[in-house]
Each structure stands twice: as structure tokens, then as C-alpha cells.
Amino acid sequence: MAESKTLAQAMMDLSARLPIEDKNISDRLNRAYDIVRLLGQGYSITKKENGYEVYKESTSLLEDKSVYYWVESGQCSCPDNSTARAGLCKHVLATMLMEEIT
């Protein structure tokens, strides 16, 4: 069985495979890193049979603004996915990081 990677190692490996010279992708990858780093602290990523559920807890005291996004086969239900280069929104990238560390 292969040893699991640290998040930092996973970030470096994923960065090597992506066009991070594109500032938008680089920024999204950094936000994805933060999502994975903050798992259990307002974020969760749950692997399901056909994909991942990415959850962000609401930070509003007045109303529930929690959001769920579904990531499957490199596609995400978030609004950013349709405009992100190659569909690489932060949620897709966060699930790619999860795949790297597990």
C-alpha cells in the first residue's frame, strides 16, 4: 500500500500537472488548498458513490447561507464551474487534492 501524501505534497504534485501560469487557476488552486486545509472547520468534502459533495457552512449569524456543491467527473454544480478554464473551479480542484492525499 502506498503511503498517503501530505497536503503540501499533494499541492505540489497537482500544481505540476496544471497550467498554474494562468493566474485564475493559480488563485483557484490556492482557494482549493484552503478548503482542504480547513476541513472540519466550516468545510467538508464527502466522497459519494458517483462523486463528491462539497459543503461550506454558513458564516452568517442571521440566516443560513450554507451551500452544497456536487462534483462529478470534473464538473461542479457551482456557478464558477461554467466560466472556469477547463471547469477547474475551486471545488473541482479541492476534490483533486483529496484524491491526491488519499
Protein backbone atom coordinates (compact mmCIF):
# COMPACT_ATOMS: atom_id res chain seq x y z
CA MET A 1 0.00 0.00 0.00
CA ALA A 2 1.34 3.44 -0.94
CA GLU A 3 1.95 6.00 1.77
CA SER A 4 -0.52 8.84 1.81
CA LYS A 5 0.79 12.26 0.84
CA THR A 6 0.74 15.37 2.93
CA LEU A 7 -1.44 18.22 1.72
CA ALA A 8 1.69 20.19 0.79
CA GLN A 9 3.00 17.27 -1.32
CA ALA A 10 -0.39 16.88 -2.97
CA MET A 11 -0.45 20.60 -3.76
CA MET A 12 2.99 20.43 -5.39
CA ASP A 13 2.09 17.33 -7.44
CA LEU A 14 -1.20 18.81 -8.62
CA SER A 15 0.46 22.16 -9.42
CA ALA A 16 2.94 20.35 -11.67
CA ARG A 17 0.05 18.99 -13.78
CA LEU A 18 -1.95 22.21 -14.11
CA PRO A 19 -1.41 25.40 -16.11
CA ILE A 20 -0.76 27.44 -12.97
CA GLU A 21 0.81 30.21 -15.03
CA ASP A 22 -2.85 31.14 -15.55
CA LYS A 23 -3.47 33.43 -12.55
CA ASN A 24 -7.12 32.38 -12.31
CA ILE A 25 -6.18 28.71 -12.00
CA SER A 26 -3.41 29.52 -9.54
CA ASP A 27 -5.81 31.56 -7.39
CA ARG A 28 -8.46 28.82 -7.50
CA LEU A 29 -5.89 26.20 -6.57
CA ASN A 30 -4.87 28.28 -3.55
CA ARG A 31 -8.52 28.57 -2.51
CA ALA A 32 -8.93 24.79 -3.00
CA TYR A 33 -5.91 24.24 -0.74
CA ASP A 34 -7.61 26.37 1.93
CA ILE A 35 -10.83 24.34 1.62
CA VAL A 36 -8.96 21.08 2.21
CA ARG A 37 -6.82 22.63 4.95
CA LEU A 38 -9.98 23.81 6.74
CA LEU A 39 -11.87 20.51 6.58
CA GLY A 40 -13.87 20.19 9.76
CA GLN A 41 -13.71 23.95 10.33
CA GLY A 42 -16.60 25.11 8.18
CA TYR A 43 -15.89 22.90 5.16
CA SER A 44 -16.42 19.25 4.42
CA ILE A 45 -15.81 17.09 1.39
CA THR A 46 -17.64 13.79 1.34
CA LYS A 47 -16.90 11.10 -1.21
CA LYS A 48 -20.09 9.53 -2.51
CA GLU A 49 -20.59 6.67 -4.95
CA ASN A 50 -20.52 8.87 -8.08
CA GLY A 51 -18.63 11.95 -6.95
CA TYR A 52 -18.09 14.37 -4.09
CA GLU A 53 -20.30 16.61 -2.01
CA VAL A 54 -18.52 19.84 -1.05
CA TYR A 55 -20.13 21.72 1.82
CA LYS A 56 -19.43 25.20 3.16
CA GLU A 57 -21.02 26.13 6.44
CA SER A 58 -22.79 29.46 6.72
CA THR A 59 -20.88 32.26 8.41
CA SER A 60 -23.98 34.44 8.74
CA LEU A 61 -25.45 34.84 12.21
CA LEU A 62 -28.79 35.98 10.83
CA GLU A 63 -29.59 33.38 8.18
CA ASP A 64 -28.41 30.02 6.97
CA LYS A 65 -26.24 30.57 3.90
CA SER A 66 -24.67 27.11 3.90
CA VAL A 67 -24.04 25.73 0.43
CA TYR A 68 -23.55 22.29 -1.08
CA TYR A 69 -21.93 21.67 -4.43
CA TRP A 70 -21.83 18.37 -6.27
CA VAL A 71 -18.61 17.44 -8.08
CA GLU A 72 -18.68 14.55 -10.53
CA SER A 73 -16.31 13.69 -13.38
CA GLY A 74 -14.61 17.09 -13.23
CA GLN A 75 -17.88 19.01 -13.31
CA CYS A 76 -19.25 21.04 -10.41
CA SER A 77 -22.69 22.43 -9.72
CA CYS A 78 -21.25 25.82 -8.62
CA PRO A 79 -21.77 28.89 -10.83
CA ASP A 80 -18.00 29.35 -11.31
CA ASN A 81 -17.53 25.96 -12.97
CA SER A 82 -19.02 27.03 -16.30
CA THR A 83 -16.65 30.01 -16.63
CA ALA A 84 -13.51 28.45 -15.12
CA ARG A 85 -10.84 27.33 -17.57
CA ALA A 86 -11.39 23.61 -18.26
CA GLY A 87 -14.01 23.61 -15.50
CA LEU A 88 -11.30 23.95 -12.85
CA CYS A 89 -13.28 25.71 -10.14
CA LYS A 90 -12.02 25.61 -6.55
CA HIS A 91 -14.38 22.74 -5.69
CA VAL A 92 -13.11 20.52 -8.51
CA LEU A 93 -9.54 21.38 -7.53
CA ALA A 94 -10.27 20.62 -3.86
CA THR A 95 -11.57 17.17 -4.80
CA MET A 96 -8.48 16.63 -6.94
CA LEU A 97 -6.34 17.45 -3.90
CA MET A 98 -8.40 14.98 -1.85
CA GLU A 99 -7.72 12.30 -4.46
CA GLU A 100 -4.00 13.06 -4.19
CA ILE A 101 -3.86 12.65 -0.41
CA THR A 102 -6.00 9.52 -0.13
